[in-house]
Amino acid sequence: MIGADIKEGDYLLYLKTDKVESGELMIVMVDGQKYIKRYQVINEDRILLSENKNYPPFKIGITNNVKILGKVLQILKNVTKL
């Protein structure tokens, strides 16, 4: 999560919910895989955006198995070496 400054060892404080607003960072399961993505609504399209420019946006369609697990409230930085 380069653009969101989430690094290995950091913790996420999140609210377990299936409701998120456009622009919010969320934890989502797509086809059985968990991701941290930014949710964006553009026109009528629902899109999952990566904070890493190397990964393309993902448009949510009716054929995708997508489940919102929660929305990220805070990123807690780990100050100790792992």
N, C-alpha and C. Protein backbone atom coordinates (compact mmCIF):
# COMPACT_ATOMS: atom_id res chain seq x y z
N MET A 1 0.84 -1.19 0.00
CA MET A 1 0.00 0.00 0.00
C MET A 1 0.88 1.25 0.00
N ILE A 2 1.64 1.37 -1.03
CA ILE A 2 2.62 2.44 -1.14
C ILE A 2 1.98 3.82 -0.98
N GLY A 3 0.93 4.10 -1.71
CA GLY A 3 0.31 5.42 -1.69
C GLY A 3 -0.38 5.76 -0.37
N ALA A 4 -0.78 4.74 0.38
CA ALA A 4 -1.45 4.97 1.67
C ALA A 4 -0.45 4.91 2.82
N ASP A 5 0.83 4.71 2.51
CA ASP A 5 1.91 4.62 3.50
C ASP A 5 1.66 3.50 4.53
N ILE A 6 1.14 2.38 4.05
CA ILE A 6 0.98 1.20 4.90
C ILE A 6 2.14 0.27 4.60
N LYS A 7 2.92 -0.03 5.64
CA LYS A 7 4.11 -0.86 5.47
C LYS A 7 3.96 -2.16 6.26
N GLU A 8 4.79 -3.14 5.92
CA GLU A 8 4.78 -4.41 6.64
C GLU A 8 5.00 -4.14 8.13
N GLY A 9 4.17 -4.75 8.95
CA GLY A 9 4.26 -4.57 10.40
C GLY A 9 3.32 -3.51 10.95
N ASP A 10 2.77 -2.65 10.08
CA ASP A 10 1.79 -1.66 10.53
C ASP A 10 0.47 -2.35 10.84
N TYR A 11 -0.34 -1.69 11.64
CA TYR A 11 -1.65 -2.22 12.01
C TYR A 11 -2.73 -1.31 11.46
N LEU A 12 -3.86 -1.89 11.14
CA LEU A 12 -5.01 -1.12 10.69
C LEU A 12 -6.11 -1.21 11.74
N LEU A 13 -6.63 -0.06 12.11
CA LEU A 13 -7.81 -0.01 12.95
C LEU A 13 -8.97 0.14 11.98
N TYR A 14 -9.91 -0.82 12.02
CA TYR A 14 -11.01 -0.76 11.07
C TYR A 14 -12.34 -1.06 11.74
N LEU A 15 -13.39 -0.59 11.12
CA LEU A 15 -14.74 -0.82 11.58
C LEU A 15 -15.33 -1.93 10.72
N LYS A 16 -15.78 -3.00 11.37
CA LYS A 16 -16.39 -4.11 10.65
C LYS A 16 -17.76 -3.65 10.15
N THR A 17 -17.86 -3.45 8.85
CA THR A 17 -19.10 -2.95 8.23
C THR A 17 -19.10 -3.33 6.76
N ASP A 18 -20.26 -3.35 6.17
CA ASP A 18 -20.33 -3.59 4.73
C ASP A 18 -20.73 -2.31 3.99
N LYS A 19 -20.67 -1.18 4.70
CA LYS A 19 -21.02 0.11 4.11
C LYS A 19 -19.79 1.02 4.08
N VAL A 20 -19.43 1.49 2.89
CA VAL A 20 -18.33 2.45 2.74
C VAL A 20 -18.78 3.54 1.78
N GLU A 21 -18.16 4.70 1.93
CA GLU A 21 -18.44 5.84 1.06
C GLU A 21 -17.33 5.95 0.02
N SER A 22 -17.66 6.58 -1.08
CA SER A 22 -16.68 6.81 -2.14
C SER A 22 -15.47 7.57 -1.58
N GLY A 23 -14.28 7.08 -1.87
CA GLY A 23 -13.05 7.71 -1.41
C GLY A 23 -12.46 7.08 -0.17
N GLU A 24 -13.22 6.19 0.50
CA GLU A 24 -12.73 5.58 1.74
C GLU A 24 -11.87 4.35 1.44
N LEU A 25 -10.93 4.10 2.34
CA LEU A 25 -10.07 2.92 2.28
C LEU A 25 -10.81 1.79 2.97
N MET A 26 -10.80 0.61 2.34
CA MET A 26 -11.57 -0.49 2.90
C MET A 26 -10.83 -1.82 2.78
N ILE A 27 -11.29 -2.77 3.56
CA ILE A 27 -10.82 -4.14 3.47
C ILE A 27 -11.91 -4.89 2.73
N VAL A 28 -11.53 -5.55 1.67
CA VAL A 28 -12.51 -6.19 0.79
C VAL A 28 -12.02 -7.57 0.39
N MET A 29 -12.97 -8.49 0.22
CA MET A 29 -12.63 -9.82 -0.28
C MET A 29 -13.17 -9.93 -1.70
N VAL A 30 -12.28 -10.27 -2.63
CA VAL A 30 -12.66 -10.45 -4.03
C VAL A 30 -12.28 -11.87 -4.43
N ASP A 31 -13.28 -12.64 -4.78
CA ASP A 31 -13.07 -14.04 -5.19
C ASP A 31 -12.20 -14.80 -4.20
N GLY A 32 -12.45 -14.59 -2.89
CA GLY A 32 -11.75 -15.32 -1.84
C GLY A 32 -10.42 -14.73 -1.39
N GLN A 33 -9.93 -13.68 -2.02
CA GLN A 33 -8.67 -13.02 -1.65
C GLN A 33 -8.97 -11.70 -0.95
N LYS A 34 -8.26 -11.42 0.15
CA LYS A 34 -8.44 -10.16 0.88
C LYS A 34 -7.51 -9.09 0.34
N TYR A 35 -8.03 -7.88 0.25
CA TYR A 35 -7.28 -6.73 -0.25
C TYR A 35 -7.61 -5.50 0.60
N ILE A 36 -6.72 -4.53 0.57
CA ILE A 36 -7.00 -3.19 1.08
C ILE A 36 -7.06 -2.31 -0.16
N LYS A 37 -8.21 -1.72 -0.40
CA LYS A 37 -8.42 -0.92 -1.60
C LYS A 37 -9.17 0.35 -1.26
N ARG A 38 -9.04 1.34 -2.13
CA ARG A 38 -9.83 2.56 -2.00
C ARG A 38 -11.07 2.38 -2.86
N TYR A 39 -12.23 2.65 -2.28
CA TYR A 39 -13.50 2.52 -2.99
C TYR A 39 -13.83 3.84 -3.66
N GLN A 40 -14.21 3.78 -4.92
CA GLN A 40 -14.52 5.00 -5.66
C GLN A 40 -15.74 4.75 -6.52
N VAL A 41 -16.67 5.69 -6.52
CA VAL A 41 -17.81 5.63 -7.42
C VAL A 41 -17.61 6.71 -8.47
N ILE A 42 -17.54 6.29 -9.73
CA ILE A 42 -17.37 7.22 -10.85
C ILE A 42 -18.55 7.00 -11.78
N ASN A 43 -19.36 8.03 -11.95
CA ASN A 43 -20.66 7.91 -12.62
C ASN A 43 -21.46 6.86 -11.87
N GLU A 44 -21.80 5.77 -12.49
CA GLU A 44 -22.54 4.70 -11.79
C GLU A 44 -21.63 3.50 -11.51
N ASP A 45 -20.37 3.60 -11.92
CA ASP A 45 -19.43 2.48 -11.77
C ASP A 45 -18.82 2.46 -10.38
N ARG A 46 -18.76 1.26 -9.78
CA ARG A 46 -18.09 1.05 -8.49
C ARG A 46 -16.71 0.47 -8.78
N ILE A 47 -15.67 1.16 -8.31
CA ILE A 47 -14.30 0.80 -8.66
C ILE A 47 -13.45 0.64 -7.41
N LEU A 48 -12.60 -0.39 -7.43
CA LEU A 48 -11.60 -0.58 -6.37
C LEU A 48 -10.27 -0.07 -6.91
N LEU A 49 -9.69 0.88 -6.20
CA LEU A 49 -8.43 1.48 -6.61
C LEU A 49 -7.31 1.01 -5.70
N SER A 50 -6.19 0.68 -6.30
CA SER A 50 -5.00 0.34 -5.54
C SER A 50 -4.25 1.63 -5.23
N GLU A 51 -3.59 1.67 -4.10
CA GLU A 51 -2.75 2.82 -3.75
C GLU A 51 -1.37 2.68 -4.39
N ASN A 52 -1.14 1.58 -5.07
CA ASN A 52 0.10 1.34 -5.80
C ASN A 52 -0.20 1.49 -7.28
N LYS A 53 0.45 2.44 -7.93
CA LYS A 53 0.19 2.74 -9.34
C LYS A 53 0.50 1.57 -10.27
N ASN A 54 1.22 0.55 -9.79
CA ASN A 54 1.55 -0.62 -10.61
C ASN A 54 0.36 -1.56 -10.79
N TYR A 55 -0.71 -1.35 -10.02
CA TYR A 55 -1.89 -2.20 -10.11
C TYR A 55 -3.05 -1.40 -10.67
N PRO A 56 -3.71 -1.92 -11.69
CA PRO A 56 -4.79 -1.16 -12.34
C PRO A 56 -6.06 -1.14 -11.48
N PRO A 57 -6.95 -0.17 -11.74
CA PRO A 57 -8.25 -0.14 -11.07
C PRO A 57 -9.05 -1.40 -11.42
N PHE A 58 -9.94 -1.77 -10.53
CA PHE A 58 -10.76 -2.97 -10.71
C PHE A 58 -12.22 -2.56 -10.63
N LYS A 59 -12.95 -2.74 -11.71
CA LYS A 59 -14.37 -2.38 -11.75
C LYS A 59 -15.18 -3.55 -11.20
N ILE A 60 -16.03 -3.24 -10.22
CA ILE A 60 -16.87 -4.26 -9.61
C ILE A 60 -18.07 -4.52 -10.53
N GLY A 61 -18.22 -5.76 -10.93
CA GLY A 61 -19.34 -6.15 -11.79
C GLY A 61 -20.20 -7.19 -11.10
N ILE A 62 -21.31 -7.52 -11.73
CA ILE A 62 -22.22 -8.49 -11.12
C ILE A 62 -21.65 -9.90 -11.12
N THR A 63 -20.64 -10.15 -11.93
CA THR A 63 -20.06 -11.49 -11.97
C THR A 63 -18.96 -11.68 -10.92
N ASN A 64 -18.52 -10.60 -10.29
CA ASN A 64 -17.47 -10.69 -9.27
C ASN A 64 -18.06 -11.08 -7.92
N ASN A 65 -17.32 -11.89 -7.19
CA ASN A 65 -17.70 -12.24 -5.83
C ASN A 65 -16.98 -11.28 -4.90
N VAL A 66 -17.63 -10.16 -4.55
CA VAL A 66 -17.02 -9.09 -3.75
C VAL A 66 -17.78 -8.95 -2.44
N LYS A 67 -17.02 -8.92 -1.33
CA LYS A 67 -17.62 -8.72 -0.01
C LYS A 67 -16.81 -7.68 0.74
N ILE A 68 -17.46 -6.61 1.16
CA ILE A 68 -16.79 -5.58 1.97
C ILE A 68 -16.71 -6.09 3.40
N LEU A 69 -15.49 -6.13 3.94
CA LEU A 69 -15.28 -6.63 5.30
C LEU A 69 -15.22 -5.51 6.32
N GLY A 70 -14.80 -4.31 5.91
CA GLY A 70 -14.72 -3.20 6.83
C GLY A 70 -14.09 -1.98 6.20
N LYS A 71 -14.21 -0.85 6.91
CA LYS A 71 -13.54 0.37 6.41
C LYS A 71 -12.44 0.75 7.37
N VAL A 72 -11.33 1.18 6.79
CA VAL A 72 -10.14 1.54 7.57
C VAL A 72 -10.38 2.89 8.22
N LEU A 73 -10.18 2.92 9.55
CA LEU A 73 -10.34 4.16 10.31
C LEU A 73 -8.99 4.83 10.58
N GLN A 74 -7.96 4.00 10.81
CA GLN A 74 -6.65 4.56 11.17
C GLN A 74 -5.55 3.55 10.84
N ILE A 75 -4.40 4.07 10.47
CA ILE A 75 -3.19 3.26 10.24
C ILE A 75 -2.27 3.49 11.43
N LEU A 76 -1.94 2.42 12.13
CA LEU A 76 -1.06 2.51 13.30
C LEU A 76 0.33 2.05 12.89
N LYS A 77 1.30 2.93 12.97
CA LYS A 77 2.65 2.64 12.52
C LYS A 77 3.40 1.81 13.56
N ASN A 78 4.08 0.80 13.10
CA ASN A 78 4.92 -0.03 13.96
C ASN A 78 6.28 0.63 14.04
N VAL A 79 6.74 0.97 15.24
CA VAL A 79 8.01 1.67 15.39
C VAL A 79 9.13 0.72 15.80
N THR A 80 8.82 -0.57 15.98
CA THR A 80 9.86 -1.54 16.30
C THR A 80 10.22 -2.33 15.06
N LYS A 81 11.46 -2.81 15.01
CA LYS A 81 11.88 -3.63 13.88
C LYS A 81 11.35 -5.02 14.07
N LEU A 82 10.87 -5.61 12.98
CA LEU A 82 10.36 -6.99 13.02
C LEU A 82 11.48 -7.97 12.74
